[in-house]
C-alpha atoms as a PDB file:
ATOM      1  CA  UNK A   1       0.016  -0.146   0.123  1.00  0.00           C
ATOM      2  CA  UNK A   2       1.335   3.432  -0.913  1.00  0.00           C
ATOM      3  CA  UNK A   3       2.245   6.306   1.586  1.00  0.00           C
ATOM      4  CA  UNK A   4      -0.926   8.642   0.045  1.00  0.00           C
ATOM      5  CA  UNK A   5      -3.136   5.166   0.335  1.00  0.00           C
ATOM      6  CA  UNK A   6      -2.048   5.021   3.896  1.00  0.00           C
ATOM      7  CA  UNK A   7      -2.552   9.118   4.671  1.00  0.00           C
ATOM      8  CA  UNK A   8      -6.029   8.350   2.972  1.00  0.00           C
ATOM      9  CA  UNK A   9      -6.727   5.799   5.167  1.00  0.00           C
ATOM     10  CA  UNK A  10      -5.769   7.164   8.522  1.00  0.00           C
ATOM     11  CA  UNK A  11      -7.675  10.628   7.340  1.00  0.00           C
ATOM     12  CA  UNK A  12     -10.890   8.587   7.238  1.00  0.00           C
ATOM     13  CA  UNK A  13     -10.064   7.149  10.929  1.00  0.00           C
ATOM     14  CA  UNK A  14      -9.583  10.604  12.048  1.00  0.00           C
ATOM     15  CA  UNK A  15     -13.292  11.329  10.329  1.00  0.00           C
ATOM     16  CA  UNK A  16     -14.798   8.143  12.099  1.00  0.00           C
ATOM     17  CA  UNK A  17     -13.054   9.448  15.654  1.00  0.00           C
ATOM     18  CA  UNK A  18     -14.558  13.006  14.671  1.00  0.00           C
ATOM     19  CA  UNK A  19     -17.951  11.057  13.839  1.00  0.00           C
ATOM     20  CA  UNK A  20     -17.933   9.424  16.856  1.00  0.00           C
ATOM     21  CA  UNK A  21     -18.441  12.738  18.015  1.00  0.00           C
ATOM     22  CA  UNK A  22     -21.133  14.406  16.498  1.00  0.00           C
ATOM     23  CA  UNK A  23     -24.595  12.880  16.885  1.00  0.00           C
ATOM     24  CA  UNK A  24     -26.063  11.328  13.441  1.00  0.00           C
ATOM     25  CA  UNK A  25     -22.184  10.552  12.125  1.00  0.00           C
ATOM     26  CA  UNK A  26     -21.768   6.545  12.304  1.00  0.00           C
ATOM     27  CA  UNK A  27     -18.220   7.207  13.570  1.00  0.00           C
ATOM     28  CA  UNK A  28     -17.670   3.288  14.291  1.00  0.00           C
ATOM     29  CA  UNK A  29     -18.647   2.504  11.215  1.00  0.00           C
ATOM     30  CA  UNK A  30     -16.316   5.031   9.283  1.00  0.00           C
ATOM     31  CA  UNK A  31     -13.404   3.589  11.563  1.00  0.00           C
ATOM     32  CA  UNK A  32     -14.258   0.137  10.527  1.00  0.00           C
ATOM     33  CA  UNK A  33     -14.455   0.334   7.039  1.00  0.00           C
ATOM     34  CA  UNK A  34     -10.881   2.373   6.740  1.00  0.00           C
ATOM     35  CA  UNK A  35      -9.483  -0.986   8.866  1.00  0.00           C
ATOM     36  CA  UNK A  36     -11.085  -3.015   5.890  1.00  0.00           C
ATOM     37  CA  UNK A  37     -10.213  -0.388   3.508  1.00  0.00           C
ATOM     38  CA  UNK A  38      -6.571  -0.820   4.713  1.00  0.00           C
ATOM     39  CA  UNK A  39      -6.567  -4.851   5.082  1.00  0.00           C
ATOM     40  CA  UNK A  40      -8.226  -5.513   1.625  1.00  0.00           C
ATOM     41  CA  UNK A  41      -5.342  -3.623   0.121  1.00  0.00           C
ATOM     42  CA  UNK A  42      -2.079  -4.950   2.601  1.00  0.00           C
ATOM     43  CA  UNK A  43      -3.346  -8.439   2.617  1.00  0.00           C
ATOM     44  CA  UNK A  44      -0.992  -9.507   5.287  1.00  0.00           C
ATOM     45  CA  UNK A  45      -1.721 -11.716   8.343  1.00  0.00           C
ATOM     46  CA  UNK A  46      -1.058  -8.490  10.023  1.00  0.00           C
ATOM     47  CA  UNK A  47      -3.525  -6.658   8.913  1.00  0.00           C
ATOM     48  CA  UNK A  48      -6.369  -9.474   8.897  1.00  0.00           C
ATOM     49  CA  UNK A  49      -5.494 -10.100  12.349  1.00  0.00           C
ATOM     50  CA  UNK A  50      -6.441  -6.109  12.999  1.00  0.00           C
ATOM     51  CA  UNK A  51      -9.466  -6.021  11.131  1.00  0.00           C
ATOM     52  CA  UNK A  52     -10.639  -9.376  13.276  1.00  0.00           C
ATOM     53  CA  UNK A  53      -9.452  -7.353  16.367  1.00  0.00           C
ATOM     54  CA  UNK A  54     -11.233  -4.264  15.203  1.00  0.00           C
ATOM     55  CA  UNK A  55     -14.095  -6.164  14.234  1.00  0.00           C
ATOM     56  CA  UNK A  56     -14.673  -8.069  17.586  1.00  0.00           C
ATOM     57  CA  UNK A  57     -13.860  -4.661  19.898  1.00  0.00           C
ATOM     58  CA  UNK A  58     -16.764  -2.900  17.886  1.00  0.00           C
ATOM     59  CA  UNK A  59     -19.248  -5.383  18.053  1.00  0.00           C
ATOM     60  CA  UNK A  60     -18.608  -5.949  21.482  1.00  0.00           C
ATOM     61  CA  UNK A  61     -18.817  -1.932  21.778  1.00  0.00           C
ATOM     62  CA  UNK A  62     -22.721  -2.321  19.675  1.00  0.00           C
ATOM     63  CA  UNK A  63     -23.914  -5.152  21.891  1.00  0.00           C
ATOM     64  CA  UNK A  64     -22.631  -3.323  25.379  1.00  0.00           C
ATOM     65  CA  UNK A  65     -24.325  -0.087  24.205  1.00  0.00           C
ATOM     66  CA  UNK A  66     -28.081  -0.779  25.358  1.00  0.00           C
ATOM     67  CA  UNK A  67     -26.429  -0.726  28.897  1.00  0.00           C
ATOM     68  CA  UNK A  68     -25.305   2.868  28.959  1.00  0.00           C
ATOM     69  CA  UNK A  69     -27.200   5.878  28.959  1.00  0.00           C
ATOM     70  CA  UNK A  70     -28.413   7.387  25.798  1.00  0.00           C
ATOM     71  CA  UNK A  71     -26.201   9.933  24.045  1.00  0.00           C
ATOM     72  CA  UNK A  72     -28.621  13.133  23.284  1.00  0.00           C
ATOM     73  CA  UNK A  73     -26.853  15.949  24.115  1.00  0.00           C
ATOM     74  CA  UNK A  74     -29.215  18.537  23.316  1.00  0.00           C
ATOM     75  CA  UNK A  75     -31.817  16.934  25.398  1.00  0.00           C
ATOM     76  CA  UNK A  76     -29.389  16.852  28.976  1.00  0.00           C
ATOM     77  CA  UNK A  77     -28.485  20.619  27.998  1.00  0.00           C
ATOM     78  CA  UNK A  78     -24.841  19.999  26.960  1.00  0.00           C
ATOM     79  CA  UNK A  79     -23.297  21.935  24.139  1.00  0.00           C
ATOM     80  CA  UNK A  80     -21.931  20.186  21.477  1.00  0.00           C
ATOM     81  CA  UNK A  81     -18.753  21.956  21.467  1.00  0.00           C
ATOM     82  CA  UNK A  82     -18.405  20.445  25.029  1.00  0.00           C
ATOM     83  CA  UNK A  83     -17.991  16.789  23.432  1.00  0.00           C
ATOM     84  CA  UNK A  84     -15.792  18.274  20.728  1.00  0.00           C
ATOM     85  CA  UNK A  85     -13.419  19.414  23.188  1.00  0.00           C
ATOM     86  CA  UNK A  86     -13.072  16.442  25.297  1.00  0.00           C
ATOM     87  CA  UNK A  87     -13.226  14.429  22.058  1.00  0.00           C
ATOM     88  CA  UNK A  88     -10.086  16.132  20.843  1.00  0.00           C
ATOM     89  CA  UNK A  89      -8.156  16.404  24.286  1.00  0.00           C
ATOM     90  CA  UNK A  90      -9.061  12.304  24.524  1.00  0.00           C
ATOM     91  CA  UNK A  91      -7.432  12.137  21.249  1.00  0.00           C
ATOM     92  CA  UNK A  92      -4.788  13.661  22.342  1.00  0.00           C
ATOM     93  CA  UNK A  93      -4.326  11.941  25.322  1.00  0.00           C
ATOM     94  CA  UNK A  94      -4.521   8.321  23.718  1.00  0.00           C
ATOM     95  CA  UNK A  95      -1.577   9.232  21.765  1.00  0.00           C
ATOM     96  CA  UNK A  96       0.497  11.381  24.429  1.00  0.00           C
ATOM     97  CA  UNK A  97      -0.244   8.700  27.251  1.00  0.00           C
ATOM     98  CA  UNK A  98      -1.089   5.794  24.846  1.00  0.00           C
ATOM     99  CA  UNK A  99      -4.284   3.625  25.584  1.00  0.00           C
ATOM    100  CA  UNK A 100      -4.995   5.069  29.250  1.00  0.00           C
ATOM    101  CA  UNK A 101      -4.573   8.934  28.386  1.00  0.00           C
ATOM    102  CA  UNK A 102      -7.843   9.065  26.601  1.00  0.00           C
ATOM    103  CA  UNK A 103      -9.673   8.759  29.740  1.00  0.00           C
ATOM    104  CA  UNK A 104      -7.799  11.935  31.996  1.00  0.00           C
ATOM    105  CA  UNK A 105      -7.768  13.758  28.486  1.00  0.00           C
ATOM    106  CA  UNK A 106     -11.584  13.661  27.752  1.00  0.00           C
ATOM    107  CA  UNK A 107     -12.501  14.314  31.394  1.00  0.00           C
ATOM    108  CA  UNK A 108     -10.311  17.148  31.203  1.00  0.00           C
ATOM    109  CA  UNK A 109     -11.385  18.626  28.274  1.00  0.00           C
ATOM    110  CA  UNK A 110     -14.982  18.684  29.287  1.00  0.00           C
ATOM    111  CA  UNK A 111     -14.076  20.150  33.225  1.00  0.00           C
ATOM    112  CA  UNK A 112     -11.657  23.075  31.167  1.00  0.00           C
ATOM    113  CA  UNK A 113     -14.943  23.790  28.802  1.00  0.00           C
ATOM    114  CA  UNK A 114     -17.134  23.758  31.605  1.00  0.00           C
ATOM    115  CA  UNK A 115     -15.361  25.886  33.711  1.00  0.00           C
ATOM    116  CA  UNK A 116     -14.983  28.074  31.259  1.00  0.00           C
ATOM    117  CA  UNK A 117     -18.404  28.540  30.269  1.00  0.00           C
ATOM    118  CA  UNK A 118     -19.593  28.204  34.246  1.00  0.00           C
ATOM    119  CA  UNK A 119     -16.200  30.592  35.647  1.00  0.00           C
ATOM    120  CA  UNK A 120     -16.186  28.678  38.589  1.00  0.00           C
ATOM    121  CA  UNK A 121     -14.080  25.833  40.303  1.00  0.00           C
ATOM    122  CA  UNK A 122     -17.268  24.201  41.728  1.00  0.00           C
ATOM    123  CA  UNK A 123     -19.342  24.480  39.023  1.00  0.00           C
ATOM    124  CA  UNK A 124     -17.282  23.571  37.064  1.00  0.00           C
ATOM    125  CA  UNK A 125     -16.320  19.896  38.440  1.00  0.00           C
ATOM    126  CA  UNK A 126     -20.682  19.490  39.139  1.00  0.00           C
ATOM    127  CA  UNK A 127     -20.783  20.101  35.501  1.00  0.00           C
ATOM    128  CA  UNK A 128     -18.607  17.855  34.207  1.00  0.00           C
ATOM    129  CA  UNK A 129     -20.256  15.206  36.303  1.00  0.00           C
ATOM    130  CA  UNK A 130     -23.623  16.221  34.923  1.00  0.00           C
ATOM    131  CA  UNK A 131     -22.320  15.970  31.554  1.00  0.00           C
ATOM    132  CA  UNK A 132     -20.259  12.643  32.009  1.00  0.00           C
ATOM    133  CA  UNK A 133     -23.708  11.196  33.797  1.00  0.00           C
ATOM    134  CA  UNK A 134     -25.633  12.495  30.884  1.00  0.00           C
ATOM    135  CA  UNK A 135     -23.921  11.532  27.643  1.00  0.00           C
ATOM    136  CA  UNK A 136     -20.073  11.618  28.576  1.00  0.00           C
ATOM    137  CA  UNK A 137     -20.073   7.809  29.269  1.00  0.00           C
ATOM    138  CA  UNK A 138     -21.498   6.410  26.247  1.00  0.00           C
ATOM    139  CA  UNK A 139     -19.511   9.171  23.883  1.00  0.00           C
ATOM    140  CA  UNK A 140     -16.175   8.098  25.954  1.00  0.00           C
ATOM    141  CA  UNK A 141     -16.394   3.968  25.498  1.00  0.00           C
ATOM    142  CA  UNK A 142     -17.429   4.413  21.687  1.00  0.00           C
ATOM    143  CA  UNK A 143     -14.782   7.025  21.438  1.00  0.00           C
ATOM    144  CA  UNK A 144     -12.218   4.844  23.539  1.00  0.00           C
ATOM    145  CA  UNK A 145     -13.081   1.636  21.315  1.00  0.00           C
ATOM    146  CA  UNK A 146     -12.558   3.604  18.373  1.00  0.00           C
ATOM    147  CA  UNK A 147      -9.411   4.823  19.598  1.00  0.00           C
ATOM    148  CA  UNK A 148      -8.355   1.464  20.528  1.00  0.00           C
ATOM    149  CA  UNK A 149      -8.851   0.200  17.135  1.00  0.00           C
ATOM    150  CA  UNK A 150      -6.419   3.130  15.472  1.00  0.00           C
ATOM    151  CA  UNK A 151      -4.097   2.480  18.097  1.00  0.00           C
ATOM    152  CA  UNK A 152      -3.856  -1.179  16.561  1.00  0.00           C
ATOM    153  CA  UNK A 153      -3.602   0.156  13.009  1.00  0.00           C
ATOM    154  CA  UNK A 154      -1.011   2.471  14.163  1.00  0.00           C
ATOM    155  CA  UNK A 155       0.851  -0.047  15.805  1.00  0.00           C
ATOM    156  CA  UNK A 156       0.569  -2.631  13.018  1.00  0.00           C
ATOM    157  CA  UNK A 157       1.756   0.097  10.581  1.00  0.00           C
ATOM    158  CA  UNK A 158       4.718   0.595  12.861  1.00  0.00           C
ATOM    159  CA  UNK A 159       5.613  -3.152  13.907  1.00  0.00           C
ATOM    160  CA  UNK A 160       4.139  -5.258  11.340  1.00  0.00           C
END
């Protein structure tokens, strides 16, 4: 697979990660489709192993989704900007502190936006807890799952 194709696959994966944060966009499906595209072009054992692993992880996430609260940010009064900043911080945290950095990045991003919006330390934490209960946990779980798939893809490119 050429460099430009790998860049295109990476951009589609980034689009899928951002799609997780925007309601109505099938972010998981986009991330999975990009892994399928890469595996069909690469045709190595590592590529197919990543595809099988990605499929299993994403299907597990879909199966567990009914156990999480619904993710309607507009009904909960959560601004979309809050989720976007939290998601961007989670993506950055995932790569700065591999794997585990996504969780504090997401929560920290939401806290930063809510503190700036409300202007007080105590109100920022209370609002962050409310956001996490209303929509944060399902978004974080779906984003973390997609980040694991992207991380496996990056790992396969580096070490495969």
